[in-house]
């Protein structure tokens, strides 16, 4: 399954859409989760909700132990939003 994100660009009425395969998305998000800036880690954990792969859930679960409370909250939200069987 592919990951889709829509990002706003500064022109009214124009959206930029990009798609990454799950393995590449996971690699980039794993790197972001290792960053020192908690805002980067929080954004990465939130983005994991859009990757439909069990490894994304595992990374989000690992983020529950992050030193930053906002990252932990993002991990809880990400895990709660998943509908894995």
Protein backbone atom coordinates (compact mmCIF):
# COMPACT_ATOMS: atom_id res chain seq x y z
CA UNK A 1 0.00 0.00 0.00
CA UNK A 2 1.25 3.51 -0.75
CA UNK A 3 1.41 6.46 1.59
CA UNK A 4 -0.26 9.66 0.47
CA UNK A 5 0.23 13.12 1.86
CA UNK A 6 -1.13 16.41 0.61
CA UNK A 7 0.95 19.46 1.33
CA UNK A 8 -0.28 23.03 0.91
CA UNK A 9 1.76 25.28 -1.32
CA UNK A 10 1.63 29.09 -1.23
CA UNK A 11 -0.60 29.37 -4.31
CA UNK A 12 -4.36 29.42 -3.69
CA UNK A 13 -6.18 26.40 -5.06
CA UNK A 14 -3.01 24.38 -5.70
CA UNK A 15 -2.11 21.24 -3.74
CA UNK A 16 1.10 19.26 -4.11
CA UNK A 17 0.65 15.52 -3.63
CA UNK A 18 3.44 13.01 -3.29
CA UNK A 19 3.51 9.29 -2.69
CA UNK A 20 6.22 7.15 -1.10
CA UNK A 21 6.38 3.38 -0.91
CA UNK A 22 6.02 2.17 2.71
CA UNK A 23 9.61 0.92 2.95
CA UNK A 24 11.03 4.31 1.93
CA UNK A 25 8.57 6.18 4.16
CA UNK A 26 9.52 3.98 7.12
CA UNK A 27 13.22 4.54 6.49
CA UNK A 28 12.82 8.33 6.46
CA UNK A 29 10.51 8.34 9.48
CA UNK A 30 12.88 6.07 11.41
CA UNK A 31 15.65 8.60 10.74
CA UNK A 32 13.41 11.45 11.89
CA UNK A 33 12.56 9.59 15.10
CA UNK A 34 16.27 9.57 15.95
CA UNK A 35 16.60 13.36 15.65
CA UNK A 36 17.35 15.44 18.72
CA UNK A 37 14.54 17.96 18.07
CA UNK A 38 11.31 16.72 19.71
CA UNK A 39 9.23 18.61 17.12
CA UNK A 40 10.80 16.50 14.39
CA UNK A 41 10.16 13.31 16.35
CA UNK A 42 6.55 14.35 17.04
CA UNK A 43 5.93 15.04 13.35
CA UNK A 44 7.47 11.69 12.41
CA UNK A 45 5.27 9.82 14.90
CA UNK A 46 2.18 11.58 13.56
CA UNK A 47 3.15 10.70 9.98
CA UNK A 48 3.40 7.02 10.96
CA UNK A 49 -0.41 6.96 11.10
CA UNK A 50 -0.43 7.23 7.30
CA UNK A 51 1.88 4.26 6.74
CA UNK A 52 -0.17 1.09 6.59
CA UNK A 53 2.49 -1.34 7.71
CA UNK A 54 2.96 -3.18 10.99
CA UNK A 55 6.46 -1.70 11.28
CA UNK A 56 4.88 1.76 11.48
CA UNK A 57 2.84 0.61 14.49
CA UNK A 58 5.98 -0.84 16.07
CA UNK A 59 7.84 2.47 15.63
CA UNK A 60 4.90 4.38 17.10
CA UNK A 61 4.85 2.00 20.07
CA UNK A 62 8.56 2.61 20.63
CA UNK A 63 7.86 6.36 20.67
CA UNK A 64 5.71 5.85 23.77
CA UNK A 65 9.02 5.77 25.68
CA UNK A 66 10.29 9.06 24.19
CA UNK A 67 11.65 11.55 26.70
CA UNK A 68 9.31 14.26 25.39
CA UNK A 69 5.69 14.14 26.56
CA UNK A 70 4.36 15.65 23.31
CA UNK A 71 6.02 12.85 21.34
CA UNK A 72 4.43 10.32 23.68
CA UNK A 73 0.99 11.89 23.16
CA UNK A 74 1.51 11.83 19.37
CA UNK A 75 2.39 8.13 19.66
CA UNK A 76 -0.81 7.40 21.57
CA UNK A 77 -2.87 9.26 18.96
CA UNK A 78 -1.11 7.47 16.11
CA UNK A 79 -1.70 4.07 17.64
CA UNK A 80 -5.32 4.89 18.43
CA UNK A 81 -5.95 5.96 14.83
CA UNK A 82 -4.71 2.67 13.35
CA UNK A 83 -7.20 -0.01 12.29
CA UNK A 84 -4.86 -2.98 12.09
CA UNK A 85 -6.55 -6.33 12.29
